[in-house]
């Protein structure tokens, strides 16, 4: 499964300014996740690319642990696991860099 998100800012146009140590790269709300066996991996592609050293916060709508792997300049993989079956739902991601 692959999700597409929209870039909301660049380093120079970041809401908290280009000279601060941390800025919001962008966020994606409501990335669909199909129900199924645990674990699951969801590929997220990021339009316009991602800066070096970015960090991702993930909030799943269903009961599951979430972590990020395979970070590249164009996206990353969100992994979900709850030791059983994952219910269909969504994930929200926030990407920051500093």
Protein backbone atom coordinates (compact mmCIF):
# COMPACT_ATOMS: atom_id res chain seq x y z
CA UNK A 1 0.00 0.00 0.00
CA UNK A 2 1.36 3.44 -0.84
CA UNK A 3 0.07 6.74 0.46
CA UNK A 4 0.65 10.17 -1.00
CA UNK A 5 0.88 13.27 1.17
CA UNK A 6 1.12 16.99 0.60
CA UNK A 7 4.10 19.10 1.59
CA UNK A 8 2.96 22.06 3.72
CA UNK A 9 6.18 24.00 4.18
CA UNK A 10 9.84 24.28 3.30
CA UNK A 11 12.72 25.05 5.61
CA UNK A 12 12.69 28.75 4.74
CA UNK A 13 8.88 28.98 4.93
CA UNK A 14 8.49 26.90 8.10
CA UNK A 15 5.81 28.23 10.49
CA UNK A 16 8.31 28.71 13.31
CA UNK A 17 11.03 30.26 11.13
CA UNK A 18 14.07 29.03 9.25
CA UNK A 19 16.56 29.86 12.01
CA UNK A 20 14.95 27.82 14.77
CA UNK A 21 16.40 24.42 15.63
CA UNK A 22 13.22 22.50 14.75
CA UNK A 23 10.70 23.04 11.99
CA UNK A 24 7.63 21.27 10.68
CA UNK A 25 8.28 19.74 7.28
CA UNK A 26 4.67 18.67 6.84
CA UNK A 27 1.90 16.41 7.99
CA UNK A 28 -0.53 13.93 6.49
CA UNK A 29 -3.85 13.12 8.13
CA UNK A 30 -5.99 10.09 7.43
CA UNK A 31 -3.66 7.78 5.51
CA UNK A 32 -5.82 4.68 4.98
CA UNK A 33 -4.73 1.36 6.47
CA UNK A 34 -6.47 -1.84 5.46
CA UNK A 35 -7.30 -4.31 8.21
CA UNK A 36 -5.32 -7.52 8.29
CA UNK A 37 -2.66 -9.61 9.93
CA UNK A 38 -0.09 -7.92 12.14
CA UNK A 39 2.53 -6.60 11.42
CA UNK A 40 1.78 -4.30 8.50
CA UNK A 41 4.03 -1.94 6.54
CA UNK A 42 2.67 1.21 4.89
CA UNK A 43 4.88 3.01 2.35
CA UNK A 44 4.58 6.81 2.52
CA UNK A 45 5.97 8.92 -0.33
CA UNK A 46 6.63 12.61 0.31
CA UNK A 47 6.24 15.10 -2.57
CA UNK A 48 9.14 17.49 -2.95
CA UNK A 49 11.47 15.30 -0.91
CA UNK A 50 12.58 15.29 2.71
CA UNK A 51 15.59 16.94 4.39
CA UNK A 52 18.45 14.97 5.93
CA UNK A 53 17.86 14.01 9.54
CA UNK A 54 14.07 14.26 9.61
CA UNK A 55 11.92 12.63 12.30
CA UNK A 56 8.44 11.17 12.01
CA UNK A 57 5.69 10.96 14.65
CA UNK A 58 2.88 8.49 13.89
CA UNK A 59 -0.59 8.36 15.46
CA UNK A 60 -2.68 5.32 14.50
CA UNK A 61 -6.48 5.39 14.90
CA UNK A 62 -6.50 1.68 15.71
CA UNK A 63 -4.86 -0.29 18.52
CA UNK A 64 -1.27 -0.75 17.30
CA UNK A 65 2.33 0.15 18.02
CA UNK A 66 3.85 2.27 15.26
CA UNK A 67 7.45 2.81 14.20
CA UNK A 68 9.24 4.13 11.12
CA UNK A 69 11.88 2.38 9.00
CA UNK A 70 13.43 2.72 5.55
CA UNK A 71 13.76 6.52 5.73
CA UNK A 72 14.93 8.02 2.44
CA UNK A 73 14.90 11.46 0.85
CA UNK A 74 11.57 10.62 -0.83
CA UNK A 75 9.64 8.85 1.94
CA UNK A 76 9.57 6.20 4.64
CA UNK A 77 7.76 3.09 5.83
CA UNK A 78 5.34 3.11 8.77
CA UNK A 79 5.14 -0.26 10.53
CA UNK A 80 2.14 -1.27 12.66
CA UNK A 81 1.94 -4.23 15.03
CA UNK A 82 -0.43 -5.27 17.80
CA UNK A 83 0.41 -8.97 18.05
CA UNK A 84 -2.87 -9.98 16.46
CA UNK A 85 -5.11 -8.61 13.72
CA UNK A 86 -5.03 -4.90 12.95
CA UNK A 87 -8.42 -3.30 12.40
CA UNK A 88 -8.88 -1.08 9.36
CA UNK A 89 -8.34 2.58 10.16
CA UNK A 90 -6.03 5.50 9.49
CA UNK A 91 -2.67 6.89 10.53
CA UNK A 92 -1.63 10.51 10.91
CA UNK A 93 2.04 11.46 10.46
CA UNK A 94 3.97 14.58 11.40
CA UNK A 95 7.42 15.14 9.94
CA UNK A 96 9.87 17.52 11.61
CA UNK A 97 13.53 18.35 11.05
CA UNK A 98 16.13 20.33 12.83
